[in-house]
Amino acid sequence: IKNSDSSYNKSYYRTDFVTASYYTNKK
């Protein structure tokens, strides 16, 4: 998470999950 180049959140449509956060590190 700390070294990620980018991150974004996405709504998720399941009863047990509401959002998904993605952290990417291109390196």
mmCIF file of all heavy atoms, coordinates in Angstrom:
data_MODEL
# 
_entry.id   MODEL 
# 
loop_
_atom_site.group_PDB 
_atom_site.id 
_atom_site.type_symbol 
_atom_site.label_atom_id 
_atom_site.label_alt_id 
_atom_site.label_comp_id 
_atom_site.label_asym_id 
_atom_site.label_entity_id 
_atom_site.label_seq_id 
_atom_site.pdbx_PDB_ins_code 
_atom_site.Cartn_x 
_atom_site.Cartn_y 
_atom_site.Cartn_z 
_atom_site.occupancy 
_atom_site.B_iso_or_equiv 
_atom_site.pdbx_formal_charge 
_atom_site.auth_seq_id 
_atom_site.auth_comp_id 
_atom_site.auth_asym_id 
_atom_site.auth_atom_id 
_atom_site.pdbx_PDB_model_num 
ATOM 1   N N   . ILE A 1 1  ? 0.834   -1.207  0.000   1.00 0.00 ? 1  ILE A N   1 
ATOM 2   C CA  . ILE A 1 1  ? 0.000   0.000   0.000   1.00 0.00 ? 1  ILE A CA  1 
ATOM 3   C C   . ILE A 1 1  ? 0.867   1.255   0.000   1.00 0.00 ? 1  ILE A C   1 
ATOM 4   O O   . ILE A 1 1  ? 0.651   2.175   -0.770  1.00 0.00 ? 1  ILE A O   1 
ATOM 5   C CB  . ILE A 1 1  ? -0.973  -0.014  1.192   1.00 0.00 ? 1  ILE A CB  1 
ATOM 6   C CG1 . ILE A 1 1  ? -2.006  -1.137  0.989   1.00 0.00 ? 1  ILE A CG1 1 
ATOM 7   C CG2 . ILE A 1 1  ? -1.654  1.332   1.360   1.00 0.00 ? 1  ILE A CG2 1 
ATOM 8   C CD1 . ILE A 1 1  ? -2.880  -1.401  2.200   1.00 0.00 ? 1  ILE A CD1 1 
ATOM 9   N N   . LYS A 1 2  ? 1.875   1.273   0.864   1.00 0.00 ? 2  LYS A N   1 
ATOM 10  C CA  . LYS A 1 2  ? 2.750   2.444   0.984   1.00 0.00 ? 2  LYS A CA  1 
ATOM 11  C C   . LYS A 1 2  ? 3.525   2.699   -0.305  1.00 0.00 ? 2  LYS A C   1 
ATOM 12  O O   . LYS A 1 2  ? 3.741   3.837   -0.692  1.00 0.00 ? 2  LYS A O   1 
ATOM 13  C CB  . LYS A 1 2  ? 3.735   2.219   2.140   1.00 0.00 ? 2  LYS A CB  1 
ATOM 14  C CG  . LYS A 1 2  ? 4.518   3.456   2.522   1.00 0.00 ? 2  LYS A CG  1 
ATOM 15  C CD  . LYS A 1 2  ? 5.511   3.166   3.627   1.00 0.00 ? 2  LYS A CD  1 
ATOM 16  C CE  . LYS A 1 2  ? 4.786   2.758   4.889   1.00 0.00 ? 2  LYS A CE  1 
ATOM 17  N NZ  . LYS A 1 2  ? 5.688   2.468   6.005   1.00 0.00 ? 2  LYS A NZ  1 
ATOM 18  N N   . ASN A 1 3  ? 3.944   1.637   -0.985  1.00 0.00 ? 3  ASN A N   1 
ATOM 19  C CA  . ASN A 1 3  ? 4.767   1.787   -2.182  1.00 0.00 ? 3  ASN A CA  1 
ATOM 20  C C   . ASN A 1 3  ? 3.969   1.717   -3.482  1.00 0.00 ? 3  ASN A C   1 
ATOM 21  O O   . ASN A 1 3  ? 4.557   1.613   -4.555  1.00 0.00 ? 3  ASN A O   1 
ATOM 22  C CB  . ASN A 1 3  ? 5.855   0.708   -2.201  1.00 0.00 ? 3  ASN A CB  1 
ATOM 23  C CG  . ASN A 1 3  ? 6.820   0.866   -1.051  1.00 0.00 ? 3  ASN A CG  1 
ATOM 24  O OD1 . ASN A 1 3  ? 7.221   1.975   -0.718  1.00 0.00 ? 3  ASN A OD1 1 
ATOM 25  N ND2 . ASN A 1 3  ? 7.180   -0.236  -0.419  1.00 0.00 ? 3  ASN A ND2 1 
ATOM 26  N N   . SER A 1 4  ? 2.652   1.790   -3.384  1.00 0.00 ? 4  SER A N   1 
ATOM 27  C CA  . SER A 1 4  ? 1.845   1.690   -4.602  1.00 0.00 ? 4  SER A CA  1 
ATOM 28  C C   . SER A 1 4  ? 1.994   2.954   -5.449  1.00 0.00 ? 4  SER A C   1 
ATOM 29  O O   . SER A 1 4  ? 2.144   4.060   -4.950  1.00 0.00 ? 4  SER A O   1 
ATOM 30  C CB  . SER A 1 4  ? 0.382   1.452   -4.256  1.00 0.00 ? 4  SER A CB  1 
ATOM 31  O OG  . SER A 1 4  ? -0.164  2.564   -3.592  1.00 0.00 ? 4  SER A OG  1 
ATOM 32  N N   . ASP A 1 5  ? 1.975   2.735   -6.752  1.00 0.00 ? 5  ASP A N   1 
ATOM 33  C CA  . ASP A 1 5  ? 2.038   3.843   -7.706  1.00 0.00 ? 5  ASP A CA  1 
ATOM 34  C C   . ASP A 1 5  ? 0.675   4.497   -7.851  1.00 0.00 ? 5  ASP A C   1 
ATOM 35  O O   . ASP A 1 5  ? 0.569   5.681   -8.126  1.00 0.00 ? 5  ASP A O   1 
ATOM 36  C CB  . ASP A 1 5  ? 2.481   3.351   -9.084  1.00 0.00 ? 5  ASP A CB  1 
ATOM 37  C CG  . ASP A 1 5  ? 3.846   2.711   -9.053  1.00 0.00 ? 5  ASP A CG  1 
ATOM 38  O OD1 . ASP A 1 5  ? 4.761   3.289   -8.438  1.00 0.00 ? 5  ASP A OD1 1 
ATOM 39  O OD2 . ASP A 1 5  ? 3.990   1.628   -9.644  1.00 0.00 ? 5  ASP A OD2 1 
ATOM 40  N N   . SER A 1 6  ? -0.353  3.695   -7.706  1.00 0.00 ? 6  SER A N   1 
ATOM 41  C CA  . SER A 1 6  ? -1.708  4.220   -7.855  1.00 0.00 ? 6  SER A CA  1 
ATOM 42  C C   . SER A 1 6  ? -2.673  3.363   -7.044  1.00 0.00 ? 6  SER A C   1 
ATOM 43  O O   . SER A 1 6  ? -2.379  2.232   -6.679  1.00 0.00 ? 6  SER A O   1 
ATOM 44  C CB  . SER A 1 6  ? -2.122  4.229   -9.323  1.00 0.00 ? 6  SER A CB  1 
ATOM 45  O OG  . SER A 1 6  ? -2.162  2.921   -9.842  1.00 0.00 ? 6  SER A OG  1 
ATOM 46  N N   . SER A 1 7  ? -3.822  3.941   -6.772  1.00 0.00 ? 7  SER A N   1 
ATOM 47  C CA  . SER A 1 7  ? -4.870  3.205   -6.073  1.00 0.00 ? 7  SER A CA  1 
ATOM 48  C C   . SER A 1 7  ? -6.214  3.756   -6.521  1.00 0.00 ? 7  SER A C   1 
ATOM 49  O O   . SER A 1 7  ? -6.306  4.877   -6.994  1.00 0.00 ? 7  SER A O   1 
ATOM 50  C CB  . SER A 1 7  ? -4.715  3.325   -4.558  1.00 0.00 ? 7  SER A CB  1 
ATOM 51  O OG  . SER A 1 7  ? -4.908  4.661   -4.159  1.00 0.00 ? 7  SER A OG  1 
ATOM 52  N N   . TYR A 1 8  ? -7.218  2.928   -6.379  1.00 0.00 ? 8  TYR A N   1 
ATOM 53  C CA  . TYR A 1 8  ? -8.575  3.367   -6.680  1.00 0.00 ? 8  TYR A CA  1 
ATOM 54  C C   . TYR A 1 8  ? -9.570  2.494   -5.937  1.00 0.00 ? 8  TYR A C   1 
ATOM 55  O O   . TYR A 1 8  ? -9.239  1.382   -5.520  1.00 0.00 ? 8  TYR A O   1 
ATOM 56  C CB  . TYR A 1 8  ? -8.850  3.362   -8.191  1.00 0.00 ? 8  TYR A CB  1 
ATOM 57  C CG  . TYR A 1 8  ? -8.818  1.997   -8.840  1.00 0.00 ? 8  TYR A CG  1 
ATOM 58  C CD1 . TYR A 1 8  ? -9.979  1.250   -9.014  1.00 0.00 ? 8  TYR A CD1 1 
ATOM 59  C CD2 . TYR A 1 8  ? -7.618  1.464   -9.300  1.00 0.00 ? 8  TYR A CD2 1 
ATOM 60  C CE1 . TYR A 1 8  ? -9.955  0.004   -9.617  1.00 0.00 ? 8  TYR A CE1 1 
ATOM 61  C CE2 . TYR A 1 8  ? -7.584  0.222   -9.901  1.00 0.00 ? 8  TYR A CE2 1 
ATOM 62  C CZ  . TYR A 1 8  ? -8.746  -0.499  -10.072 1.00 0.00 ? 8  TYR A CZ  1 
ATOM 63  O OH  . TYR A 1 8  ? -8.710  -1.734  -10.667 1.00 0.00 ? 8  TYR A OH  1 
ATOM 64  N N   . ASN A 1 9  ? -10.751 3.020   -5.742  1.00 0.00 ? 9  ASN A N   1 
ATOM 65  C CA  . ASN A 1 9  ? -11.836 2.301   -5.085  1.00 0.00 ? 9  ASN A CA  1 
ATOM 66  C C   . ASN A 1 9  ? -12.916 2.023   -6.109  1.00 0.00 ? 9  ASN A C   1 
ATOM 67  O O   . ASN A 1 9  ? -13.119 2.803   -7.037  1.00 0.00 ? 9  ASN A O   1 
ATOM 68  C CB  . ASN A 1 9  ? -12.432 3.114   -3.937  1.00 0.00 ? 9  ASN A CB  1 
ATOM 69  C CG  . ASN A 1 9  ? -11.463 3.276   -2.803  1.00 0.00 ? 9  ASN A CG  1 
ATOM 70  O OD1 . ASN A 1 9  ? -10.688 2.381   -2.498  1.00 0.00 ? 9  ASN A OD1 1 
ATOM 71  N ND2 . ASN A 1 9  ? -11.485 4.430   -2.171  1.00 0.00 ? 9  ASN A ND2 1 
ATOM 72  N N   . LYS A 1 10 ? -13.609 0.931   -5.900  1.00 0.00 ? 10 LYS A N   1 
ATOM 73  C CA  . LYS A 1 10 ? -14.669 0.531   -6.801  1.00 0.00 ? 10 LYS A CA  1 
ATOM 74  C C   . LYS A 1 10 ? -15.823 -0.004  -5.962  1.00 0.00 ? 10 LYS A C   1 
ATOM 75  O O   . LYS A 1 10 ? -15.600 -0.731  -5.000  1.00 0.00 ? 10 LYS A O   1 
ATOM 76  C CB  . LYS A 1 10 ? -14.115 -0.540  -7.733  1.00 0.00 ? 10 LYS A CB  1 
ATOM 77  C CG  . LYS A 1 10 ? -15.083 -1.172  -8.680  1.00 0.00 ? 10 LYS A CG  1 
ATOM 78  C CD  . LYS A 1 10 ? -14.325 -2.133  -9.580  1.00 0.00 ? 10 LYS A CD  1 
ATOM 79  C CE  . LYS A 1 10 ? -15.125 -3.388  -9.789  1.00 0.00 ? 10 LYS A CE  1 
ATOM 80  N NZ  . LYS A 1 10 ? -14.459 -4.357  -10.635 1.00 0.00 ? 10 LYS A NZ  1 
ATOM 81  N N   . SER A 1 11 ? -17.030 0.393   -6.303  1.00 0.00 ? 11 SER A N   1 
ATOM 82  C CA  . SER A 1 11 ? -18.195 -0.162  -5.613  1.00 0.00 ? 11 SER A CA  1 
ATOM 83  C C   . SER A 1 11 ? -18.314 -1.628  -5.966  1.00 0.00 ? 11 SER A C   1 
ATOM 84  O O   . SER A 1 11 ? -17.994 -2.046  -7.074  1.00 0.00 ? 11 SER A O   1 
ATOM 85  C CB  . SER A 1 11 ? -19.470 0.564   -6.043  1.00 0.00 ? 11 SER A CB  1 
ATOM 86  O OG  . SER A 1 11 ? -19.425 1.901   -5.635  1.00 0.00 ? 11 SER A OG  1 
ATOM 87  N N   . TYR A 1 12 ? -18.769 -2.402  -5.003  1.00 0.00 ? 12 TYR A N   1 
ATOM 88  C CA  . TYR A 1 12 ? -18.909 -3.838  -5.199  1.00 0.00 ? 12 TYR A CA  1 
ATOM 89  C C   . TYR A 1 12 ? -20.327 -4.202  -4.823  1.00 0.00 ? 12 TYR A C   1 
ATOM 90  O O   . TYR A 1 12 ? -20.864 -3.691  -3.854  1.00 0.00 ? 12 TYR A O   1 
ATOM 91  C CB  . TYR A 1 12 ? -17.898 -4.569  -4.304  1.00 0.00 ? 12 TYR A CB  1 
ATOM 92  C CG  . TYR A 1 12 ? -17.314 -5.797  -4.921  1.00 0.00 ? 12 TYR A CG  1 
ATOM 93  C CD1 . TYR A 1 12 ? -16.296 -5.697  -5.851  1.00 0.00 ? 12 TYR A CD1 1 
ATOM 94  C CD2 . TYR A 1 12 ? -17.768 -7.061  -4.576  1.00 0.00 ? 12 TYR A CD2 1 
ATOM 95  C CE1 . TYR A 1 12 ? -15.734 -6.822  -6.419  1.00 0.00 ? 12 TYR A CE1 1 
ATOM 96  C CE2 . TYR A 1 12 ? -17.215 -8.185  -5.146  1.00 0.00 ? 12 TYR A CE2 1 
ATOM 97  C CZ  . TYR A 1 12 ? -16.202 -8.059  -6.069  1.00 0.00 ? 12 TYR A CZ  1 
ATOM 98  O OH  . TYR A 1 12 ? -15.660 -9.178  -6.632  1.00 0.00 ? 12 TYR A OH  1 
ATOM 99  N N   . TYR A 1 13 ? -20.947 -5.054  -5.535  1.00 0.00 ? 13 TYR A N   1 
ATOM 100 C CA  . TYR A 1 13 ? -22.364 -5.328  -5.321  1.00 0.00 ? 13 TYR A CA  1 
ATOM 101 C C   . TYR A 1 13 ? -22.611 -6.744  -4.826  1.00 0.00 ? 13 TYR A C   1 
ATOM 102 O O   . TYR A 1 13 ? -23.328 -7.514  -5.422  1.00 0.00 ? 13 TYR A O   1 
ATOM 103 C CB  . TYR A 1 13 ? -23.140 -5.032  -6.603  1.00 0.00 ? 13 TYR A CB  1 
ATOM 104 C CG  . TYR A 1 13 ? -22.967 -3.588  -7.000  1.00 0.00 ? 13 TYR A CG  1 
ATOM 105 C CD1 . TYR A 1 13 ? -22.090 -3.220  -8.008  1.00 0.00 ? 13 TYR A CD1 1 
ATOM 106 C CD2 . TYR A 1 13 ? -23.636 -2.581  -6.306  1.00 0.00 ? 13 TYR A CD2 1 
ATOM 107 C CE1 . TYR A 1 13 ? -21.914 -1.888  -8.336  1.00 0.00 ? 13 TYR A CE1 1 
ATOM 108 C CE2 . TYR A 1 13 ? -23.459 -1.250  -6.621  1.00 0.00 ? 13 TYR A CE2 1 
ATOM 109 C CZ  . TYR A 1 13 ? -22.605 -0.918  -7.640  1.00 0.00 ? 13 TYR A CZ  1 
ATOM 110 O OH  . TYR A 1 13 ? -22.422 0.398   -7.954  1.00 0.00 ? 13 TYR A OH  1 
ATOM 111 N N   . ARG A 1 14 ? -22.010 -7.087  -3.720  1.00 0.00 ? 14 ARG A N   1 
ATOM 112 C CA  . ARG A 1 14 ? -22.276 -8.336  -3.018  1.00 0.00 ? 14 ARG A CA  1 
ATOM 113 C C   . ARG A 1 14 ? -22.718 -7.970  -1.617  1.00 0.00 ? 14 ARG A C   1 
ATOM 114 O O   . ARG A 1 14 ? -22.382 -6.909  -1.119  1.00 0.00 ? 14 ARG A O   1 
ATOM 115 C CB  . ARG A 1 14 ? -21.011 -9.198  -2.940  1.00 0.00 ? 14 ARG A CB  1 
ATOM 116 C CG  . ARG A 1 14 ? -20.705 -9.933  -4.216  1.00 0.00 ? 14 ARG A CG  1 
ATOM 117 C CD  . ARG A 1 14 ? -19.462 -10.771 -4.134  1.00 0.00 ? 14 ARG A CD  1 
ATOM 118 N NE  . ARG A 1 14 ? -19.366 -11.580 -2.931  1.00 0.00 ? 14 ARG A NE  1 
ATOM 119 C CZ  . ARG A 1 14 ? -18.366 -12.417 -2.701  1.00 0.00 ? 14 ARG A CZ  1 
ATOM 120 N NH1 . ARG A 1 14 ? -17.403 -12.560 -3.568  1.00 0.00 ? 14 ARG A NH1 1 
ATOM 121 N NH2 . ARG A 1 14 ? -18.315 -13.114 -1.590  1.00 0.00 ? 14 ARG A NH2 1 
ATOM 122 N N   . THR A 1 15 ? -23.442 -8.861  -0.982  1.00 0.00 ? 15 THR A N   1 
ATOM 123 C CA  . THR A 1 15 ? -23.928 -8.548  0.358   1.00 0.00 ? 15 THR A CA  1 
ATOM 124 C C   . THR A 1 15 ? -22.804 -8.487  1.387   1.00 0.00 ? 15 THR A C   1 
ATOM 125 O O   . THR A 1 15 ? -22.907 -7.763  2.366   1.00 0.00 ? 15 THR A O   1 
ATOM 126 C CB  . THR A 1 15 ? -24.978 -9.575  0.805   1.00 0.00 ? 15 THR A CB  1 
ATOM 127 O OG1 . THR A 1 15 ? -24.408 -10.892 0.751   1.00 0.00 ? 15 THR A OG1 1 
ATOM 128 C CG2 . THR A 1 15 ? -26.199 -9.510  -0.078  1.00 0.00 ? 15 THR A CG2 1 
ATOM 129 N N   . ASP A 1 16 ? -21.718 -9.247  1.178   1.00 0.00 ? 16 ASP A N   1 
ATOM 130 C CA  . ASP A 1 16 ? -20.633 -9.255  2.157   1.00 0.00 ? 16 ASP A CA  1 
ATOM 131 C C   . ASP A 1 16 ? -19.541 -8.218  1.865   1.00 0.00 ? 16 ASP A C   1 
ATOM 132 O O   . ASP A 1 16 ? -18.740 -7.906  2.730   1.00 0.00 ? 16 ASP A O   1 
ATOM 133 C CB  . ASP A 1 16 ? -20.031 -10.642 2.300   1.00 0.00 ? 16 ASP A CB  1 
ATOM 134 C CG  . ASP A 1 16 ? -19.681 -11.300 0.980   1.00 0.00 ? 16 ASP A CG  1 
ATOM 135 O OD1 . ASP A 1 16 ? -20.114 -10.798 -0.081  1.00 0.00 ? 16 ASP A OD1 1 
ATOM 136 O OD2 . ASP A 1 16 ? -18.984 -12.324 0.998   1.00 0.00 ? 16 ASP A OD2 1 
ATOM 137 N N   . PHE A 1 17 ? -19.484 -7.679  0.656   1.00 0.00 ? 17 PHE A N   1 
ATOM 138 C CA  . PHE A 1 17 ? -18.510 -6.655  0.301   1.00 0.00 ? 17 PHE A CA  1 
ATOM 139 C C   . PHE A 1 17 ? -19.246 -5.463  -0.288  1.00 0.00 ? 17 PHE A C   1 
ATOM 140 O O   . PHE A 1 17 ? -20.175 -5.614  -1.066  1.00 0.00 ? 17 PHE A O   1 
ATOM 141 C CB  . PHE A 1 17 ? -17.521 -7.142  -0.766  1.00 0.00 ? 17 PHE A CB  1 
ATOM 142 C CG  . PHE A 1 17 ? -16.811 -8.411  -0.428  1.00 0.00 ? 17 PHE A CG  1 
ATOM 143 C CD1 . PHE A 1 17 ? -16.735 -9.430  -1.354  1.00 0.00 ? 17 PHE A CD1 1 
ATOM 144 C CD2 . PHE A 1 17 ? -16.216 -8.597  0.796   1.00 0.00 ? 17 PHE A CD2 1 
ATOM 145 C CE1 . PHE A 1 17 ? -16.071 -10.606 -1.059  1.00 0.00 ? 17 PHE A CE1 1 
ATOM 146 C CE2 . PHE A 1 17 ? -15.555 -9.771  1.105   1.00 0.00 ? 17 PHE A CE2 1 
ATOM 147 C CZ  . PHE A 1 17 ? -15.486 -10.779 0.176   1.00 0.00 ? 17 PHE A CZ  1 
ATOM 148 N N   . VAL A 1 18 ? -18.802 -4.273  0.069   1.00 0.00 ? 18 VAL A N   1 
ATOM 149 C CA  . VAL A 1 18 ? -19.416 -3.063  -0.469  1.00 0.00 ? 18 VAL A CA  1 
ATOM 150 C C   . VAL A 1 18 ? -18.447 -2.324  -1.377  1.00 0.00 ? 18 VAL A C   1 
ATOM 151 O O   . VAL A 1 18 ? -18.813 -1.815  -2.418  1.00 0.00 ? 18 VAL A O   1 
ATOM 152 C CB  . VAL A 1 18 ? -19.909 -2.143  0.665   1.00 0.00 ? 18 VAL A CB  1 
ATOM 153 C CG1 . VAL A 1 18 ? -20.443 -0.836  0.124   1.00 0.00 ? 18 VAL A CG1 1 
ATOM 154 C CG2 . VAL A 1 18 ? -20.976 -2.852  1.476   1.00 0.00 ? 18 VAL A CG2 1 
ATOM 155 N N   . THR A 1 19 ? -17.173 -2.287  -0.975  1.00 0.00 ? 19 THR A N   1 
ATOM 156 C CA  . THR A 1 19 ? -16.166 -1.617  -1.800  1.00 0.00 ? 19 THR A CA  1 
ATOM 157 C C   . THR A 1 19 ? -14.940 -2.501  -1.966  1.00 0.00 ? 19 THR A C   1 
ATOM 158 O O   . THR A 1 19 ? -14.647 -3.359  -1.131  1.00 0.00 ? 19 THR A O   1 
ATOM 159 C CB  . THR A 1 19 ? -15.697 -0.280  -1.183  1.00 0.00 ? 19 THR A CB  1 
ATOM 160 O OG1 . THR A 1 19 ? -15.098 -0.546  0.084   1.00 0.00 ? 19 THR A OG1 1 
ATOM 161 C CG2 . THR A 1 19 ? -16.829 0.703   -1.035  1.00 0.00 ? 19 THR A CG2 1 
ATOM 162 N N   . ALA A 1 20 ? -14.241 -2.234  -3.032  1.00 0.00 ? 20 ALA A N   1 
ATOM 163 C CA  . ALA A 1 20 ? -12.955 -2.883  -3.277  1.00 0.00 ? 20 ALA A CA  1 
ATOM 164 C C   . ALA A 1 20 ? -11.940 -1.767  -3.497  1.00 0.00 ? 20 ALA A C   1 
ATOM 165 O O   . ALA A 1 20 ? -12.184 -0.851  -4.273  1.00 0.00 ? 20 ALA A O   1 
ATOM 166 C CB  . ALA A 1 20 ? -13.026 -3.778  -4.504  1.00 0.00 ? 20 ALA A CB  1 
ATOM 167 N N   . SER A 1 21 ? -10.840 -1.835  -2.773  1.00 0.00 ? 21 SER A N   1 
ATOM 168 C CA  . SER A 1 21 ? -9.747  -0.882  -2.958  1.00 0.00 ? 21 SER A CA  1 
ATOM 169 C C   . SER A 1 21 ? -8.592  -1.624  -3.610  1.00 0.00 ? 21 SER A C   1 
ATOM 170 O O   . SER A 1 21 ? -8.235  -2.724  -3.178  1.00 0.00 ? 21 SER A O   1 
ATOM 171 C CB  . SER A 1 21 ? -9.292  -0.313  -1.621  1.00 0.00 ? 21 SER A CB  1 
ATOM 172 O OG  . SER A 1 21 ? -10.344 0.377   -0.991  1.00 0.00 ? 21 SER A OG  1 
ATOM 173 N N   . TYR A 1 22 ? -8.028  -1.040  -4.633  1.00 0.00 ? 22 TYR A N   1 
ATOM 174 C CA  . TYR A 1 22 ? -6.929  -1.653  -5.376  1.00 0.00 ? 22 TYR A CA  1 
ATOM 175 C C   . TYR A 1 22 ? -5.695  -0.782  -5.244  1.00 0.00 ? 22 TYR A C   1 
ATOM 176 O O   . TYR A 1 22 ? -5.757  0.438   -5.425  1.00 0.00 ? 22 TYR A O   1 
ATOM 177 C CB  . TYR A 1 22 ? -7.292  -1.794  -6.854  1.00 0.00 ? 22 TYR A CB  1 
ATOM 178 C CG  . TYR A 1 22 ? -8.467  -2.704  -7.099  1.00 0.00 ? 22 TYR A CG  1 
ATOM 179 C CD1 . TYR A 1 22 ? -9.763  -2.217  -7.034  1.00 0.00 ? 22 TYR A CD1 1 
ATOM 180 C CD2 . TYR A 1 22 ? -8.280  -4.044  -7.388  1.00 0.00 ? 22 TYR A CD2 1 
ATOM 181 C CE1 . TYR A 1 22 ? -10.851 -3.048  -7.257  1.00 0.00 ? 22 TYR A CE1 1 
ATOM 182 C CE2 . TYR A 1 22 ? -9.364  -4.885  -7.616  1.00 0.00 ? 22 TYR A CE2 1 
ATOM 183 C CZ  . TYR A 1 22 ? -10.648 -4.377  -7.551  1.00 0.00 ? 22 TYR A CZ  1 
ATOM 184 O OH  . TYR A 1 22 ? -11.717 -5.191  -7.764  1.00 0.00 ? 22 TYR A OH  1 
ATOM 185 N N   . TYR A 1 23 ? -4.569  -1.410  -4.957  1.00 0.00 ? 23 TYR A N   1 
ATOM 186 C CA  . TYR A 1 23 ? -3.286  -0.722  -4.840  1.00 0.00 ? 23 TYR A CA  1 
ATOM 187 C C   . TYR A 1 23 ? -2.322  -1.398  -5.801  1.00 0.00 ? 23 TYR A C   1 
ATOM 188 O O   . TYR A 1 23 ? -2.102  -2.603  -5.708  1.00 0.00 ? 23 TYR A O   1 
ATOM 189 C CB  . TYR A 1 23 ? -2.748  -0.801  -3.409  1.00 0.00 ? 23 TYR A CB  1 
ATOM 190 C CG  . TYR A 1 23 ? -3.674  -0.177  -2.411  1.00 0.00 ? 23 TYR A CG  1 
ATOM 191 C CD1 . TYR A 1 23 ? -4.664  -0.930  -1.789  1.00 0.00 ? 23 TYR A CD1 1 
ATOM 192 C CD2 . TYR A 1 23 ? -3.579  1.178   -2.102  1.00 0.00 ? 23 TYR A CD2 1 
ATOM 193 C CE1 . TYR A 1 23 ? -5.539  -0.347  -0.877  1.00 0.00 ? 23 TYR A CE1 1 
ATOM 194 C CE2 . TYR A 1 23 ? -4.440  1.764   -1.193  1.00 0.00 ? 23 TYR A CE2 1 
ATOM 195 C CZ  . TYR A 1 23 ? -5.417  0.994   -0.585  1.00 0.00 ? 23 TYR A CZ  1 
ATOM 196 O OH  . TYR A 1 23 ? -6.276  1.574   0.312   1.00 0.00 ? 23 TYR A OH  1 
ATOM 197 N N   . THR A 1 24 ? -1.758  -0.649  -6.726  1.00 0.00 ? 24 THR A N   1 
ATOM 198 C CA  . THR A 1 24 ? -0.858  -1.231  -7.708  1.00 0.00 ? 24 THR A CA  1 
ATOM 199 C C   . THR A 1 24 ? 0.546   -0.666  -7.549  1.00 0.00 ? 24 THR A C   1 
ATOM 200 O O   . THR A 1 24 ? 0.734   0.494   -7.174  1.00 0.00 ? 24 THR A O   1 
ATOM 201 C CB  . THR A 1 24 ? -1.343  -0.962  -9.150  1.00 0.00 ? 24 THR A CB  1 
ATOM 202 O OG1 . THR A 1 24 ? -1.423  0.446   -9.349  1.00 0.00 ? 24 THR A OG1 1 
ATOM 203 C CG2 . THR A 1 24 ? -2.701  -1.572  -9.395  1.00 0.00 ? 24 THR A CG2 1 
ATOM 204 N N   . ASN A 1 25 ? 1.519   -1.506  -7.834  1.00 0.00 ? 25 ASN A N   1 
ATOM 205 C CA  . ASN A 1 25 ? 2.922   -1.117  -7.830  1.00 0.00 ? 25 ASN A CA  1 
ATOM 206 C C   . ASN A 1 25 ? 3.510   -1.607  -9.149  1.00 0.00 ? 25 ASN A C   1 
ATOM 207 O O   . ASN A 1 25 ? 3.705   -2.802  -9.339  1.00 0.00 ? 25 ASN A O   1 
ATOM 208 C CB  . ASN A 1 25 ? 3.645   -1.737  -6.640  1.00 0.00 ? 25 ASN A CB  1 
ATOM 209 C CG  . ASN A 1 25 ? 5.084   -1.266  -6.543  1.00 0.00 ? 25 ASN A CG  1 
ATOM 210 O OD1 . ASN A 1 25 ? 5.740   -1.042  -7.554  1.00 0.00 ? 25 ASN A OD1 1 
ATOM 211 N ND2 . ASN A 1 25 ? 5.578   -1.149  -5.323  1.00 0.00 ? 25 ASN A ND2 1 
ATOM 212 N N   . LYS A 1 26 ? 3.756   -0.691  -10.053 1.00 0.00 ? 26 LYS A N   1 
ATOM 213 C CA  . LYS A 1 26 ? 4.255   -1.051  -11.379 1.00 0.00 ? 26 LYS A CA  1 
ATOM 214 C C   . LYS A 1 26 ? 5.666   -1.630  -11.325 1.00 0.00 ? 26 LYS A C   1 
ATOM 215 O O   . LYS A 1 26 ? 6.020   -2.477  -12.136 1.00 0.00 ? 26 LYS A O   1 
ATOM 216 C CB  . LYS A 1 26 ? 4.206   0.159   -12.309 1.00 0.00 ? 26 LYS A CB  1 
ATOM 217 C CG  . LYS A 1 26 ? 2.798   0.586   -12.621 1.00 0.00 ? 26 LYS A CG  1 
ATOM 218 C CD  . LYS A 1 26 ? 2.773   1.828   -13.477 1.00 0.00 ? 26 LYS A CD  1 
ATOM 219 C CE  . LYS A 1 26 ? 1.338   2.305   -13.639 1.00 0.00 ? 26 LYS A CE  1 
ATOM 220 N NZ  . LYS A 1 26 ? 1.272   3.598   -14.293 1.00 0.00 ? 26 LYS A NZ  1 
ATOM 221 N N   . LYS A 1 27 ? 6.457   -1.180  -10.357 1.00 0.00 ? 27 LYS A N   1 
ATOM 222 C CA  . LYS A 1 27 ? 7.855   -1.627  -10.275 1.00 0.00 ? 27 LYS A CA  1 
ATOM 223 C C   . LYS A 1 27 ? 7.963   -3.137  -10.097 1.00 0.00 ? 27 LYS A C   1 
ATOM 224 O O   . LYS A 1 27 ? 8.746   -3.794  -10.753 1.00 0.00 ? 27 LYS A O   1 
ATOM 225 C CB  . LYS A 1 27 ? 8.564   -0.908  -9.122  1.00 0.00 ? 27 LYS A CB  1 
ATOM 226 C CG  . LYS A 1 27 ? 10.021  -1.245  -9.007  1.00 0.00 ? 27 LYS A CG  1 
ATOM 227 C CD  . LYS A 1 27 ? 10.680  -0.464  -7.893  1.00 0.00 ? 27 LYS A CD  1 
ATOM 228 C CE  . LYS A 1 27 ? 12.143  -0.840  -7.764  1.00 0.00 ? 27 LYS A CE  1 
ATOM 229 N NZ  . LYS A 1 27 ? 12.791  -0.119  -6.676  1.00 0.00 ? 27 LYS A NZ  1 
# 
